[in-house]
Amino acid sequence: MRPDGFVKTLGYTRVTDLDGGASGWIEAGNPVEKDG
């Protein structure tokens, strides 16, 4: 689980890509908040 600051620093798409896509991100229980 990553802090919001970390997510915003890397950018939504980069982090989700590392976690296996948006579905993996949601399943992990992380907030779905796209940058812009």
C-alpha atoms as a PDB file:
ATOM      1  CA  MET A   1       0.000   0.000   0.000  1.00  0.00           C
ATOM      2  CA  ARG A   2       1.398   3.348  -1.050  1.00  0.00           C
ATOM      3  CA  PRO A   3       0.812   6.752   0.549  1.00  0.00           C
ATOM      4  CA  ASP A   4      -1.161   9.265  -1.502  1.00  0.00           C
ATOM      5  CA  GLY A   5       1.936  11.450  -1.797  1.00  0.00           C
ATOM      6  CA  PHE A   6       3.819   8.612  -3.449  1.00  0.00           C
ATOM      7  CA  VAL A   7       0.974   8.013  -5.877  1.00  0.00           C
ATOM      8  CA  LYS A   8       0.746  11.662  -6.853  1.00  0.00           C
ATOM      9  CA  THR A   9       4.516  11.857  -7.288  1.00  0.00           C
ATOM     10  CA  LEU A  10       4.774   8.986  -9.743  1.00  0.00           C
ATOM     11  CA  GLY A  11       1.477   9.616 -11.454  1.00  0.00           C
ATOM     12  CA  TYR A  12      -1.618   7.428 -11.548  1.00  0.00           C
ATOM     13  CA  THR A  13      -0.792   5.490 -14.721  1.00  0.00           C
ATOM     14  CA  ARG A  14       2.745   4.600 -13.642  1.00  0.00           C
ATOM     15  CA  VAL A  15       1.679   3.246 -10.272  1.00  0.00           C
ATOM     16  CA  THR A  16      -1.229   1.240 -11.659  1.00  0.00           C
ATOM     17  CA  ASP A  17       1.057  -0.189 -14.324  1.00  0.00           C
ATOM     18  CA  LEU A  18       3.424  -1.415 -11.624  1.00  0.00           C
ATOM     19  CA  ASP A  19       0.537  -2.975  -9.697  1.00  0.00           C
ATOM     20  CA  GLY A  20      -0.799  -4.789 -12.757  1.00  0.00           C
ATOM     21  CA  GLY A  21      -3.312  -2.293 -14.069  1.00  0.00           C
ATOM     22  CA  ALA A  22      -6.269  -0.379 -12.685  1.00  0.00           C
ATOM     23  CA  SER A  23      -8.099  -3.573 -11.690  1.00  0.00           C
ATOM     24  CA  GLY A  24      -5.163  -4.656  -9.528  1.00  0.00           C
ATOM     25  CA  TRP A  25      -5.040  -1.192  -7.984  1.00  0.00           C
ATOM     26  CA  ILE A  26      -8.761  -1.291  -7.097  1.00  0.00           C
ATOM     27  CA  GLU A  27      -8.580  -4.862  -5.785  1.00  0.00           C
ATOM     28  CA  ALA A  28      -5.687  -3.812  -3.545  1.00  0.00           C
ATOM     29  CA  GLY A  29      -8.132  -1.398  -1.886  1.00  0.00           C
ATOM     30  CA  ASN A  30      -6.465   1.755  -3.153  1.00  0.00           C
ATOM     31  CA  PRO A  31      -8.379   4.932  -4.050  1.00  0.00           C
ATOM     32  CA  VAL A  32      -9.095   5.440  -7.739  1.00  0.00           C
ATOM     33  CA  GLU A  33      -8.094   9.040  -8.300  1.00  0.00           C
ATOM     34  CA  LYS A  34      -6.745   9.957 -11.722  1.00  0.00           C
ATOM     35  CA  ASP A  35      -4.395  12.902 -12.181  1.00  0.00           C
ATOM     36  CA  GLY A  36      -6.341  15.408 -14.253  1.00  0.00           C
END
